[in-house]
């Protein structure tokens, strides 16, 4: 009984370790996500609405689905996302081509409304940069 329990614990540990090893890379027009458990996922940049972070994980949101990957937002940001992507909050990067409108809040903050009617908060830290890009 103890051996079976120990074996289960080792299997769970191996699964955890393999899920930590998800990789991503950039192709000319795609984000490619690969991990040990799932097939390779190829996501065209034009289909990505926004990317948000929670610790060491990121959610890549498209109209059809949300892809979860183990990576840090700052690492993704360092790896030259296309210029259509901009950080709007400490935990959010948005695809500028999917912003439909900006609704002002107080303290120089905004709510960005996307094509699918989803709203994302734009913090003061990033709002000036976003406004300058949208006005161009």
Foldseek 3Di string as FASTA:
>chain_A
DVVVVVVVVVVVVVVVVQQLPWDWDDDPFWIWIDTDPDDIDTHGPVQFFKWFDDPQKIWTDGPVDIDIHGHDPVVVVVRDDDPQWDDQDPGMIGRVVFFPDWADDPPLKTWTQGVVRDTDIGDNVRNVVSVVVVVD
